[in-house]
Amino acid sequence: MKNLSLSLFIIGLTFVSCKKEEAQKPDETTTKEEVAATTKPDSAAVAKAWMDYATPSKAHEMLAKDNGTWDAELTFWSPDNPQEMKSTATVTYKMIMGGRYQEGTYSGDMFGMPFEGKGTVAFDNATEEFISTWIDNMGTGMMVNRGKYDEATKTSTFHGEMVDPVTKKAKKVKEVITYIDDNNQKMEMFDILEDGKEFKSMQVVSKRKM
C-alpha cells in the first residue's frame, strides 16, 4: 500500500511539472513582433532613446524661425452675430529650454480691455507631432491641441478641445496655421459643431516687425 501511494505521489508531481513547463513554453502562434515588443531594451538602447527624445530636431529649427516680434490683426466671428469684430495685438516668439519649445507672448487690446495671452508649442520627437497650449486673461482654462505640419501646403493643422464657458462642456476645435512666407502667417480657428460642420470663429494675420 505504501509503494502504491508513493507511486501515485510521484506521478502527481510529474503531471504538475509538465503543466508548469507547458505554461512557461511560449505560444507557437506568437509573432516575432510580439516577442520583440515584450523584450526589455538594454541600457544603451534606453539611453539612446532618451537622447534622441531630448535633442532638438529640424521641426524645432522651423519653430525657431519665428523668433522675434510680430504685429497681429485679430478677427472674430460668432454664430449669433454676423458682424465681425476686430482687434490688434503684438506677439513675441522665442525658443526656451535649449531650443526645445517655442513660447509666444501676446499683448494688446480686445473688446476694449487689456489682453494678455501665452502660447507654447512643442514638437514631440517620439510621436512626431506638434503639441500646443494656450492660456489668456480672458478665461481660466487651457486649450491643448495636437497636430502635424504639411510641407506641400506649408500648413500646420491642429485638433483639440476647449471648454465652452456657456455650456460648461468641452467642444472640439481645429486650428490651421498657414506659413505664407518667412515674415507673414495666418492662423484660423474653427469650432467643430455637433453635426460635424466647421464654423470659423477666429483669424489672426501676423506680420513680422522689421
N, C-alpha and C. Protein backbone atom coordinates (compact mmCIF):
# COMPACT_ATOMS: atom_id res chain seq x y z
N MET A 1 0.83 -1.21 0.00
CA MET A 1 0.00 0.00 0.00
C MET A 1 0.86 1.25 0.00
N LYS A 2 1.95 1.24 0.80
CA LYS A 2 2.87 2.37 0.84
C LYS A 2 3.50 2.60 -0.52
N ASN A 3 3.90 1.49 -1.20
CA ASN A 3 4.52 1.61 -2.51
C ASN A 3 3.54 2.21 -3.52
N LEU A 4 2.27 1.82 -3.41
CA LEU A 4 1.25 2.35 -4.32
C LEU A 4 1.06 3.85 -4.09
N SER A 5 1.01 4.25 -2.84
CA SER A 5 0.85 5.67 -2.52
C SER A 5 2.03 6.48 -3.02
N LEU A 6 3.25 5.93 -2.85
CA LEU A 6 4.45 6.62 -3.31
C LEU A 6 4.44 6.79 -4.82
N SER A 7 3.99 5.76 -5.51
CA SER A 7 3.94 5.81 -6.98
C SER A 7 2.96 6.88 -7.45
N LEU A 8 1.80 6.91 -6.80
CA LEU A 8 0.80 7.90 -7.17
C LEU A 8 1.32 9.32 -6.91
N PHE A 9 2.06 9.51 -5.82
CA PHE A 9 2.62 10.80 -5.48
C PHE A 9 3.63 11.25 -6.53
N ILE A 10 4.49 10.33 -6.98
CA ILE A 10 5.50 10.65 -8.00
C ILE A 10 4.83 11.01 -9.32
N ILE A 11 3.77 10.25 -9.66
CA ILE A 11 3.03 10.53 -10.91
C ILE A 11 2.40 11.92 -10.84
N GLY A 12 1.87 12.26 -9.66
CA GLY A 12 1.26 13.58 -9.49
C GLY A 12 2.26 14.69 -9.65
N LEU A 13 3.46 14.54 -9.08
CA LEU A 13 4.50 15.55 -9.23
C LEU A 13 4.92 15.70 -10.68
N THR A 14 5.02 14.60 -11.37
CA THR A 14 5.41 14.63 -12.78
C THR A 14 4.37 15.37 -13.61
N PHE A 15 3.08 15.14 -13.31
CA PHE A 15 1.99 15.79 -14.03
C PHE A 15 2.02 17.31 -13.82
N VAL A 16 2.22 17.72 -12.55
CA VAL A 16 2.28 19.14 -12.22
C VAL A 16 3.47 19.80 -12.91
N SER A 17 4.61 19.10 -12.94
CA SER A 17 5.80 19.64 -13.56
C SER A 17 5.60 19.85 -15.05
N CYS A 18 4.94 18.90 -15.69
CA CYS A 18 4.66 19.03 -17.13
C CYS A 18 3.75 20.21 -17.41
N LYS A 19 2.76 20.39 -16.55
CA LYS A 19 1.84 21.52 -16.72
C LYS A 19 2.58 22.85 -16.61
N LYS A 20 3.54 22.94 -15.66
CA LYS A 20 4.30 24.16 -15.49
C LYS A 20 5.14 24.45 -16.72
N GLU A 21 5.75 23.39 -17.30
CA GLU A 21 6.56 23.57 -18.49
C GLU A 21 5.71 24.04 -19.65
N GLU A 22 4.49 23.49 -19.75
CA GLU A 22 3.60 23.90 -20.83
C GLU A 22 3.19 25.36 -20.67
N ALA A 23 2.96 25.79 -19.42
CA ALA A 23 2.56 27.17 -19.17
C ALA A 23 3.67 28.14 -19.47
N GLN A 24 4.94 27.69 -19.22
CA GLN A 24 6.08 28.56 -19.44
C GLN A 24 6.53 28.57 -20.89
N LYS A 25 6.14 27.56 -21.66
CA LYS A 25 6.55 27.46 -23.05
C LYS A 25 5.83 28.51 -23.88
N PRO A 26 6.55 29.32 -24.69
CA PRO A 26 5.91 30.36 -25.48
C PRO A 26 4.89 29.78 -26.45
N ASP A 27 3.85 30.50 -26.67
CA ASP A 27 2.84 30.10 -27.64
C ASP A 27 3.45 30.11 -29.03
N GLU A 28 3.32 28.99 -29.74
CA GLU A 28 3.92 28.87 -31.06
C GLU A 28 3.33 29.88 -32.04
N THR A 29 2.15 30.39 -31.73
CA THR A 29 1.49 31.35 -32.62
C THR A 29 1.96 32.78 -32.37
N THR A 30 2.77 33.00 -31.32
CA THR A 30 3.27 34.34 -31.02
C THR A 30 4.20 34.82 -32.13
N THR A 31 3.96 36.02 -32.62
CA THR A 31 4.76 36.55 -33.71
C THR A 31 6.07 37.10 -33.19
N LYS A 32 7.02 37.27 -34.11
CA LYS A 32 8.31 37.83 -33.74
C LYS A 32 8.15 39.26 -33.23
N GLU A 33 7.19 40.01 -33.82
CA GLU A 33 6.96 41.39 -33.40
C GLU A 33 6.47 41.45 -31.95
N GLU A 34 5.58 40.49 -31.58
CA GLU A 34 5.06 40.46 -30.22
C GLU A 34 6.16 40.09 -29.23
N VAL A 35 7.05 39.19 -29.63
CA VAL A 35 8.17 38.81 -28.76
C VAL A 35 9.10 40.00 -28.57
N ALA A 36 9.36 40.71 -29.69
CA ALA A 36 10.25 41.86 -29.62
C ALA A 36 9.66 42.96 -28.74
N ALA A 37 8.33 43.11 -28.81
CA ALA A 37 7.66 44.16 -28.04
C ALA A 37 7.76 43.91 -26.54
N THR A 38 7.83 42.64 -26.14
CA THR A 38 7.90 42.30 -24.73
C THR A 38 9.34 42.16 -24.24
N THR A 39 10.30 42.29 -25.16
CA THR A 39 11.71 42.19 -24.79
C THR A 39 12.17 43.51 -24.20
N LYS A 40 12.74 43.47 -23.04
CA LYS A 40 13.18 44.68 -22.36
C LYS A 40 14.45 45.20 -23.01
N PRO A 41 14.49 46.50 -23.45
CA PRO A 41 15.69 47.03 -24.09
C PRO A 41 16.84 47.15 -23.10
N ASP A 42 18.07 47.05 -23.62
CA ASP A 42 19.22 47.17 -22.74
C ASP A 42 19.46 48.64 -22.41
N SER A 43 20.39 48.88 -21.51
CA SER A 43 20.63 50.24 -21.01
C SER A 43 21.10 51.18 -22.12
N ALA A 44 21.87 50.66 -23.07
CA ALA A 44 22.37 51.51 -24.16
C ALA A 44 21.22 51.97 -25.05
N ALA A 45 20.28 51.06 -25.32
CA ALA A 45 19.12 51.42 -26.14
C ALA A 45 18.24 52.44 -25.44
N VAL A 46 18.08 52.28 -24.13
CA VAL A 46 17.28 53.23 -23.34
C VAL A 46 17.93 54.60 -23.35
N ALA A 47 19.25 54.65 -23.17
CA ALA A 47 19.97 55.92 -23.16
C ALA A 47 19.86 56.63 -24.50
N LYS A 48 19.98 55.87 -25.61
CA LYS A 48 19.88 56.46 -26.94
C LYS A 48 18.47 57.00 -27.20
N ALA A 49 17.45 56.24 -26.75
CA ALA A 49 16.07 56.69 -26.94
C ALA A 49 15.83 58.02 -26.25
N TRP A 50 16.32 58.15 -25.03
CA TRP A 50 16.14 59.40 -24.30
C TRP A 50 16.96 60.54 -24.91
N MET A 51 18.15 60.21 -25.43
CA MET A 51 18.97 61.23 -26.07
C MET A 51 18.29 61.75 -27.32
N ASP A 52 17.74 60.84 -28.13
CA ASP A 52 17.01 61.24 -29.34
C ASP A 52 15.77 62.06 -28.98
N TYR A 53 15.11 61.68 -27.90
CA TYR A 53 13.89 62.37 -27.46
C TYR A 53 14.19 63.81 -27.03
N ALA A 54 15.37 64.02 -26.45
CA ALA A 54 15.71 65.33 -25.88
C ALA A 54 16.45 66.25 -26.84
N THR A 55 16.85 65.75 -28.00
CA THR A 55 17.64 66.54 -28.93
C THR A 55 16.75 67.30 -29.90
N PRO A 56 16.84 68.64 -29.95
CA PRO A 56 16.04 69.42 -30.91
C PRO A 56 16.27 68.94 -32.34
N SER A 57 15.20 68.93 -33.12
CA SER A 57 15.23 68.40 -34.48
C SER A 57 14.97 69.51 -35.50
N LYS A 58 14.80 69.12 -36.77
CA LYS A 58 14.50 70.11 -37.82
C LYS A 58 13.18 70.82 -37.55
N ALA A 59 12.24 70.11 -36.93
CA ALA A 59 10.96 70.74 -36.59
C ALA A 59 11.17 71.88 -35.60
N HIS A 60 12.11 71.71 -34.67
CA HIS A 60 12.40 72.77 -33.72
C HIS A 60 13.10 73.95 -34.41
N GLU A 61 13.92 73.64 -35.41
CA GLU A 61 14.55 74.71 -36.19
C GLU A 61 13.49 75.53 -36.92
N MET A 62 12.44 74.85 -37.40
CA MET A 62 11.35 75.54 -38.07
C MET A 62 10.64 76.49 -37.11
N LEU A 63 10.40 76.05 -35.87
CA LEU A 63 9.78 76.90 -34.88
C LEU A 63 10.65 78.12 -34.56
N ALA A 64 11.97 77.90 -34.53
CA ALA A 64 12.89 78.98 -34.18
C ALA A 64 12.90 80.09 -35.21
N LYS A 65 12.46 79.80 -36.44
CA LYS A 65 12.41 80.84 -37.48
C LYS A 65 11.43 81.96 -37.13
N ASP A 66 10.49 81.67 -36.21
CA ASP A 66 9.51 82.68 -35.81
C ASP A 66 10.06 83.66 -34.78
N ASN A 67 11.27 83.41 -34.27
CA ASN A 67 11.82 84.27 -33.22
C ASN A 67 11.75 85.75 -33.61
N GLY A 68 11.25 86.55 -32.68
CA GLY A 68 11.14 87.98 -32.94
C GLY A 68 9.76 88.50 -32.57
N THR A 69 9.50 89.74 -32.94
CA THR A 69 8.24 90.40 -32.61
C THR A 69 7.39 90.57 -33.86
N TRP A 70 6.09 90.28 -33.71
CA TRP A 70 5.15 90.33 -34.83
C TRP A 70 3.96 91.22 -34.47
N ASP A 71 3.40 91.88 -35.48
CA ASP A 71 2.12 92.59 -35.34
C ASP A 71 1.01 91.66 -35.79
N ALA A 72 -0.07 91.60 -35.01
CA ALA A 72 -1.16 90.68 -35.32
C ALA A 72 -2.49 91.41 -35.42
N GLU A 73 -3.24 91.09 -36.45
CA GLU A 73 -4.60 91.60 -36.61
C GLU A 73 -5.57 90.44 -36.38
N LEU A 74 -6.44 90.59 -35.38
CA LEU A 74 -7.36 89.52 -34.99
C LEU A 74 -8.78 89.86 -35.45
N THR A 75 -9.45 88.84 -36.00
CA THR A 75 -10.84 88.98 -36.41
C THR A 75 -11.64 87.84 -35.80
N PHE A 76 -12.82 88.19 -35.25
CA PHE A 76 -13.65 87.20 -34.58
C PHE A 76 -15.04 87.16 -35.23
N TRP A 77 -15.61 85.94 -35.24
CA TRP A 77 -16.97 85.74 -35.73
C TRP A 77 -17.76 84.93 -34.71
N SER A 78 -19.06 85.18 -34.63
CA SER A 78 -19.94 84.45 -33.72
C SER A 78 -21.14 83.94 -34.50
N PRO A 79 -21.59 82.72 -34.23
CA PRO A 79 -22.78 82.20 -34.93
C PRO A 79 -24.02 83.06 -34.70
N ASP A 80 -24.06 83.75 -33.56
CA ASP A 80 -25.23 84.56 -33.21
C ASP A 80 -25.12 86.01 -33.69
N ASN A 81 -23.95 86.38 -34.21
CA ASN A 81 -23.74 87.77 -34.63
C ASN A 81 -22.95 87.79 -35.94
N PRO A 82 -23.59 88.11 -37.05
CA PRO A 82 -22.91 88.10 -38.34
C PRO A 82 -21.84 89.16 -38.49
N GLN A 83 -21.87 90.16 -37.62
CA GLN A 83 -20.90 91.25 -37.72
C GLN A 83 -19.58 90.83 -37.09
N GLU A 84 -18.49 90.95 -37.85
CA GLU A 84 -17.17 90.58 -37.34
C GLU A 84 -16.64 91.62 -36.38
N MET A 85 -15.79 91.18 -35.48
CA MET A 85 -15.16 92.07 -34.51
C MET A 85 -13.65 91.99 -34.70
N LYS A 86 -12.97 93.11 -34.57
CA LYS A 86 -11.54 93.16 -34.82
C LYS A 86 -10.78 93.74 -33.63
N SER A 87 -9.52 93.34 -33.52
CA SER A 87 -8.63 93.91 -32.52
C SER A 87 -7.20 93.69 -33.01
N THR A 88 -6.25 94.26 -32.30
CA THR A 88 -4.84 94.13 -32.67
C THR A 88 -4.04 93.67 -31.46
N ALA A 89 -2.89 93.09 -31.75
CA ALA A 89 -2.02 92.61 -30.67
C ALA A 89 -0.59 92.55 -31.18
N THR A 90 0.32 92.44 -30.25
CA THR A 90 1.74 92.25 -30.55
C THR A 90 2.16 90.92 -29.94
N VAL A 91 2.90 90.12 -30.68
CA VAL A 91 3.35 88.83 -30.17
C VAL A 91 4.86 88.71 -30.33
N THR A 92 5.49 88.20 -29.31
CA THR A 92 6.93 87.95 -29.34
C THR A 92 7.18 86.46 -29.15
N TYR A 93 7.89 85.89 -30.12
CA TYR A 93 8.22 84.46 -30.07
C TYR A 93 9.69 84.28 -29.68
N LYS A 94 9.94 83.26 -28.88
CA LYS A 94 11.32 82.88 -28.56
C LYS A 94 11.35 81.40 -28.22
N MET A 95 12.50 80.79 -28.45
CA MET A 95 12.69 79.39 -28.09
C MET A 95 13.22 79.33 -26.66
N ILE A 96 12.72 78.37 -25.89
CA ILE A 96 13.12 78.24 -24.48
C ILE A 96 13.62 76.82 -24.22
N MET A 97 14.24 76.64 -23.06
CA MET A 97 14.75 75.34 -22.62
C MET A 97 15.66 74.70 -23.67
N GLY A 98 16.64 75.50 -24.10
CA GLY A 98 17.64 74.96 -25.01
C GLY A 98 17.12 74.70 -26.41
N GLY A 99 16.13 75.49 -26.84
CA GLY A 99 15.59 75.33 -28.18
C GLY A 99 14.60 74.20 -28.33
N ARG A 100 14.04 73.73 -27.22
CA ARG A 100 13.12 72.58 -27.28
C ARG A 100 11.65 73.00 -27.38
N TYR A 101 11.33 74.22 -26.98
CA TYR A 101 9.94 74.68 -27.01
C TYR A 101 9.88 76.12 -27.50
N GLN A 102 8.76 76.44 -28.15
CA GLN A 102 8.52 77.82 -28.57
C GLN A 102 7.54 78.46 -27.59
N GLU A 103 7.86 79.66 -27.17
CA GLU A 103 6.97 80.42 -26.29
C GLU A 103 6.54 81.69 -27.02
N GLY A 104 5.23 81.92 -27.06
CA GLY A 104 4.70 83.13 -27.67
C GLY A 104 3.96 83.95 -26.63
N THR A 105 4.32 85.22 -26.50
CA THR A 105 3.69 86.11 -25.53
C THR A 105 2.93 87.20 -26.27
N TYR A 106 1.61 87.26 -26.02
CA TYR A 106 0.73 88.20 -26.71
C TYR A 106 0.31 89.33 -25.76
N SER A 107 0.18 90.53 -26.31
CA SER A 107 -0.36 91.66 -25.55
C SER A 107 -1.08 92.57 -26.53
N GLY A 108 -2.16 93.20 -26.05
CA GLY A 108 -2.92 94.09 -26.92
C GLY A 108 -4.21 94.52 -26.28
N ASP A 109 -5.19 94.80 -27.13
CA ASP A 109 -6.48 95.26 -26.67
C ASP A 109 -7.55 94.40 -27.31
N MET A 110 -8.49 93.92 -26.51
CA MET A 110 -9.56 93.07 -27.04
C MET A 110 -10.89 93.49 -26.44
N PHE A 111 -11.79 93.94 -27.31
CA PHE A 111 -13.12 94.37 -26.89
C PHE A 111 -13.05 95.47 -25.83
N GLY A 112 -12.05 96.36 -25.98
CA GLY A 112 -11.92 97.48 -25.05
C GLY A 112 -11.23 97.14 -23.75
N MET A 113 -10.68 95.94 -23.65
CA MET A 113 -10.00 95.53 -22.41
C MET A 113 -8.57 95.09 -22.73
N PRO A 114 -7.66 95.29 -21.78
CA PRO A 114 -6.28 94.83 -21.98
C PRO A 114 -6.26 93.31 -22.17
N PHE A 115 -5.46 92.86 -23.12
CA PHE A 115 -5.39 91.43 -23.43
C PHE A 115 -3.98 90.91 -23.24
N GLU A 116 -3.89 89.77 -22.56
CA GLU A 116 -2.62 89.07 -22.39
C GLU A 116 -2.84 87.59 -22.72
N GLY A 117 -1.91 87.01 -23.44
CA GLY A 117 -2.00 85.59 -23.76
C GLY A 117 -0.63 84.97 -23.87
N LYS A 118 -0.56 83.69 -23.63
CA LYS A 118 0.72 82.98 -23.73
C LYS A 118 0.48 81.60 -24.34
N GLY A 119 1.27 81.31 -25.36
CA GLY A 119 1.17 80.01 -26.00
C GLY A 119 2.52 79.31 -26.00
N THR A 120 2.50 78.00 -25.96
CA THR A 120 3.71 77.21 -26.11
C THR A 120 3.47 76.18 -27.20
N VAL A 121 4.53 75.88 -27.92
CA VAL A 121 4.46 74.84 -28.95
C VAL A 121 5.65 73.92 -28.77
N ALA A 122 5.36 72.63 -28.78
CA ALA A 122 6.41 71.61 -28.68
C ALA A 122 6.34 70.72 -29.92
N PHE A 123 7.46 70.14 -30.27
CA PHE A 123 7.46 69.05 -31.25
C PHE A 123 7.97 67.83 -30.53
N ASP A 124 7.09 66.83 -30.37
CA ASP A 124 7.44 65.61 -29.65
C ASP A 124 8.18 64.69 -30.61
N ASN A 125 9.47 64.49 -30.36
CA ASN A 125 10.27 63.64 -31.25
C ASN A 125 9.80 62.20 -31.27
N ALA A 126 9.17 61.75 -30.19
CA ALA A 126 8.73 60.35 -30.12
C ALA A 126 7.47 60.12 -30.94
N THR A 127 6.49 61.00 -30.79
CA THR A 127 5.22 60.83 -31.51
C THR A 127 5.23 61.56 -32.86
N GLU A 128 6.27 62.37 -33.08
CA GLU A 128 6.42 63.13 -34.33
C GLU A 128 5.19 64.00 -34.61
N GLU A 129 4.77 64.74 -33.59
CA GLU A 129 3.65 65.65 -33.73
C GLU A 129 3.91 66.91 -32.92
N PHE A 130 3.24 67.99 -33.35
CA PHE A 130 3.31 69.24 -32.61
C PHE A 130 2.23 69.25 -31.53
N ILE A 131 2.54 69.85 -30.39
CA ILE A 131 1.58 70.00 -29.29
C ILE A 131 1.59 71.46 -28.88
N SER A 132 0.42 72.08 -28.85
CA SER A 132 0.35 73.50 -28.47
C SER A 132 -0.55 73.68 -27.26
N THR A 133 -0.21 74.67 -26.44
CA THR A 133 -1.05 75.05 -25.30
C THR A 133 -1.34 76.54 -25.39
N TRP A 134 -2.47 76.96 -24.83
CA TRP A 134 -2.82 78.38 -24.87
C TRP A 134 -3.55 78.76 -23.58
N ILE A 135 -3.13 79.89 -23.00
CA ILE A 135 -3.83 80.48 -21.86
C ILE A 135 -3.89 82.00 -22.08
N ASP A 136 -4.92 82.66 -21.52
CA ASP A 136 -5.00 84.11 -21.61
C ASP A 136 -5.82 84.65 -20.45
N ASN A 137 -5.87 85.98 -20.34
CA ASN A 137 -6.56 86.61 -19.21
C ASN A 137 -8.05 86.78 -19.47
N MET A 138 -8.56 86.17 -20.55
CA MET A 138 -10.00 86.20 -20.83
C MET A 138 -10.69 84.93 -20.30
N GLY A 139 -9.97 84.10 -19.59
CA GLY A 139 -10.55 82.87 -19.05
C GLY A 139 -9.64 82.27 -18.00
N THR A 140 -10.00 81.08 -17.53
CA THR A 140 -9.20 80.39 -16.51
C THR A 140 -8.85 78.97 -16.94
N GLY A 141 -9.15 78.64 -18.18
CA GLY A 141 -8.87 77.30 -18.67
C GLY A 141 -7.63 77.27 -19.55
N MET A 142 -7.38 76.12 -20.13
CA MET A 142 -6.24 75.94 -21.02
C MET A 142 -6.68 75.12 -22.23
N MET A 143 -6.23 75.54 -23.41
CA MET A 143 -6.52 74.79 -24.62
C MET A 143 -5.27 74.00 -25.01
N VAL A 144 -5.45 72.72 -25.34
CA VAL A 144 -4.35 71.86 -25.75
C VAL A 144 -4.71 71.25 -27.10
N ASN A 145 -3.83 71.44 -28.08
CA ASN A 145 -4.05 70.90 -29.42
C ASN A 145 -2.85 70.07 -29.86
N ARG A 146 -3.10 69.13 -30.75
CA ARG A 146 -2.04 68.31 -31.34
C ARG A 146 -2.19 68.34 -32.85
N GLY A 147 -1.07 68.37 -33.55
CA GLY A 147 -1.19 68.44 -34.99
C GLY A 147 0.09 68.08 -35.74
N LYS A 148 -0.02 68.18 -37.07
CA LYS A 148 1.07 67.83 -37.98
C LYS A 148 1.32 68.99 -38.95
N TYR A 149 2.53 69.03 -39.49
CA TYR A 149 2.89 70.02 -40.49
C TYR A 149 2.92 69.37 -41.85
N ASP A 150 2.34 70.05 -42.85
CA ASP A 150 2.31 69.56 -44.22
C ASP A 150 3.19 70.46 -45.07
N GLU A 151 4.32 69.93 -45.51
CA GLU A 151 5.28 70.71 -46.28
C GLU A 151 4.69 71.15 -47.62
N ALA A 152 3.84 70.31 -48.22
CA ALA A 152 3.28 70.62 -49.53
C ALA A 152 2.42 71.88 -49.51
N THR A 153 1.64 72.05 -48.44
CA THR A 153 0.74 73.21 -48.34
C THR A 153 1.26 74.28 -47.40
N LYS A 154 2.41 74.03 -46.77
CA LYS A 154 3.00 74.98 -45.82
C LYS A 154 2.02 75.31 -44.68
N THR A 155 1.32 74.29 -44.21
CA THR A 155 0.34 74.50 -43.14
C THR A 155 0.53 73.49 -42.01
N SER A 156 0.22 73.94 -40.81
CA SER A 156 0.14 73.05 -39.65
C SER A 156 -1.33 72.98 -39.23
N THR A 157 -1.84 71.78 -39.09
CA THR A 157 -3.24 71.59 -38.70
C THR A 157 -3.30 70.91 -37.35
N PHE A 158 -3.98 71.56 -36.40
CA PHE A 158 -4.10 71.06 -35.04
C PHE A 158 -5.55 70.71 -34.74
N HIS A 159 -5.74 69.71 -33.88
CA HIS A 159 -7.06 69.37 -33.37
C HIS A 159 -6.98 69.28 -31.85
N GLY A 160 -8.04 69.73 -31.18
CA GLY A 160 -8.04 69.66 -29.72
C GLY A 160 -9.40 70.00 -29.16
N GLU A 161 -9.40 70.36 -27.89
CA GLU A 161 -10.65 70.69 -27.19
C GLU A 161 -10.45 71.90 -26.30
N MET A 162 -11.53 72.62 -26.08
CA MET A 162 -11.55 73.70 -25.10
C MET A 162 -12.93 73.70 -24.45
N VAL A 163 -13.03 74.31 -23.29
CA VAL A 163 -14.29 74.33 -22.57
C VAL A 163 -15.11 75.55 -23.01
N ASP A 164 -16.37 75.31 -23.33
CA ASP A 164 -17.30 76.39 -23.63
C ASP A 164 -17.85 76.90 -22.30
N PRO A 165 -17.53 78.14 -21.90
CA PRO A 165 -17.98 78.63 -20.59
C PRO A 165 -19.50 78.75 -20.47
N VAL A 166 -20.21 78.78 -21.60
CA VAL A 166 -21.66 78.89 -21.56
C VAL A 166 -22.28 77.55 -21.19
N THR A 167 -21.85 76.50 -21.89
CA THR A 167 -22.41 75.16 -21.64
C THR A 167 -21.63 74.40 -20.58
N LYS A 168 -20.42 74.90 -20.28
CA LYS A 168 -19.52 74.23 -19.32
C LYS A 168 -19.14 72.83 -19.79
N LYS A 169 -19.15 72.62 -21.09
CA LYS A 169 -18.77 71.34 -21.67
C LYS A 169 -17.63 71.55 -22.66
N ALA A 170 -16.87 70.48 -22.88
CA ALA A 170 -15.76 70.56 -23.83
C ALA A 170 -16.30 70.58 -25.25
N LYS A 171 -15.67 71.37 -26.10
CA LYS A 171 -16.03 71.39 -27.50
C LYS A 171 -14.76 71.21 -28.34
N LYS A 172 -14.92 70.56 -29.48
CA LYS A 172 -13.78 70.29 -30.35
C LYS A 172 -13.46 71.54 -31.18
N VAL A 173 -12.17 71.72 -31.41
CA VAL A 173 -11.71 72.85 -32.21
C VAL A 173 -10.64 72.38 -33.20
N LYS A 174 -10.49 73.14 -34.26
CA LYS A 174 -9.42 72.90 -35.24
C LYS A 174 -8.68 74.21 -35.48
N GLU A 175 -7.38 74.13 -35.53
CA GLU A 175 -6.54 75.31 -35.76
C GLU A 175 -5.64 75.05 -36.97
N VAL A 176 -5.63 75.99 -37.90
CA VAL A 176 -4.80 75.86 -39.10
C VAL A 176 -3.87 77.07 -39.19
N ILE A 177 -2.57 76.82 -39.23
CA ILE A 177 -1.59 77.89 -39.38
C ILE A 177 -0.98 77.78 -40.78
N THR A 178 -1.08 78.85 -41.55
CA THR A 178 -0.53 78.90 -42.89
C THR A 178 0.72 79.78 -42.89
N TYR A 179 1.85 79.20 -43.30
CA TYR A 179 3.11 79.95 -43.35
C TYR A 179 3.23 80.55 -44.75
N ILE A 180 2.76 81.80 -44.90
CA ILE A 180 2.74 82.46 -46.20
C ILE A 180 4.16 82.65 -46.71
N ASP A 181 5.00 83.20 -45.86
CA ASP A 181 6.44 83.29 -46.13
C ASP A 181 7.12 83.48 -44.78
N ASP A 182 8.41 83.79 -44.78
CA ASP A 182 9.15 83.90 -43.51
C ASP A 182 8.66 85.04 -42.64
N ASN A 183 7.92 86.00 -43.21
CA ASN A 183 7.52 87.18 -42.46
C ASN A 183 6.02 87.37 -42.35
N ASN A 184 5.25 86.43 -42.86
CA ASN A 184 3.79 86.55 -42.84
C ASN A 184 3.15 85.19 -42.55
N GLN A 185 2.18 85.19 -41.62
CA GLN A 185 1.47 83.97 -41.24
C GLN A 185 -0.02 84.26 -41.07
N LYS A 186 -0.80 83.20 -41.18
CA LYS A 186 -2.24 83.33 -40.92
C LYS A 186 -2.69 82.13 -40.08
N MET A 187 -3.35 82.41 -38.97
CA MET A 187 -3.92 81.36 -38.12
C MET A 187 -5.44 81.44 -38.19
N GLU A 188 -6.08 80.29 -38.42
CA GLU A 188 -7.54 80.23 -38.46
C GLU A 188 -8.02 79.22 -37.43
N MET A 189 -9.02 79.62 -36.65
CA MET A 189 -9.59 78.75 -35.63
C MET A 189 -11.03 78.40 -36.00
N PHE A 190 -11.34 77.11 -35.92
CA PHE A 190 -12.68 76.63 -36.27
C PHE A 190 -13.29 75.89 -35.08
N ASP A 191 -14.56 76.18 -34.81
CA ASP A 191 -15.33 75.39 -33.85
C ASP A 191 -15.94 74.22 -34.61
N ILE A 192 -15.83 73.02 -34.04
CA ILE A 192 -16.45 71.85 -34.64
C ILE A 192 -17.83 71.68 -34.00
N LEU A 193 -18.88 71.90 -34.78
CA LEU A 193 -20.24 71.85 -34.25
C LEU A 193 -20.69 70.41 -34.05
N GLU A 194 -21.82 70.26 -33.34
CA GLU A 194 -22.31 68.92 -33.01
C GLU A 194 -22.62 68.09 -34.25
N ASP A 195 -22.99 68.75 -35.35
CA ASP A 195 -23.30 68.00 -36.57
C ASP A 195 -22.04 67.73 -37.41
N GLY A 196 -20.87 68.10 -36.86
CA GLY A 196 -19.61 67.86 -37.55
C GLY A 196 -19.17 68.99 -38.45
N LYS A 197 -20.02 69.98 -38.66
CA LYS A 197 -19.67 71.10 -39.52
C LYS A 197 -18.69 72.03 -38.78
N GLU A 198 -17.91 72.77 -39.57
CA GLU A 198 -16.93 73.69 -39.00
C GLU A 198 -17.40 75.13 -39.13
N PHE A 199 -17.20 75.88 -38.05
CA PHE A 199 -17.53 77.31 -38.06
C PHE A 199 -16.25 78.09 -37.75
N LYS A 200 -15.86 78.96 -38.68
CA LYS A 200 -14.65 79.76 -38.47
C LYS A 200 -14.95 80.86 -37.47
N SER A 201 -14.30 80.76 -36.30
CA SER A 201 -14.58 81.69 -35.22
C SER A 201 -13.52 82.77 -35.04
N MET A 202 -12.31 82.51 -35.55
CA MET A 202 -11.24 83.49 -35.36
C MET A 202 -10.18 83.37 -36.45
N GLN A 203 -9.57 84.51 -36.74
CA GLN A 203 -8.45 84.55 -37.67
C GLN A 203 -7.43 85.54 -37.15
N VAL A 204 -6.16 85.16 -37.22
CA VAL A 204 -5.07 86.04 -36.80
C VAL A 204 -4.08 86.14 -37.96
N VAL A 205 -3.93 87.33 -38.50
CA VAL A 205 -2.95 87.57 -39.56
C VAL A 205 -1.76 88.28 -38.93
N SER A 206 -0.59 87.66 -39.01
CA SER A 206 0.60 88.20 -38.34
C SER A 206 1.67 88.59 -39.35
N LYS A 207 2.34 89.71 -39.08
CA LYS A 207 3.42 90.20 -39.93
C LYS A 207 4.62 90.53 -39.04
N ARG A 208 5.78 90.03 -39.40
CA ARG A 208 6.97 90.24 -38.59
C ARG A 208 7.37 91.72 -38.62
N LYS A 209 7.71 92.25 -37.45
CA LYS A 209 8.22 93.61 -37.37
C LYS A 209 9.66 93.63 -37.88
N MET A 210 9.97 94.54 -38.77
CA MET A 210 11.32 94.64 -39.35
C MET A 210 12.19 95.61 -38.54
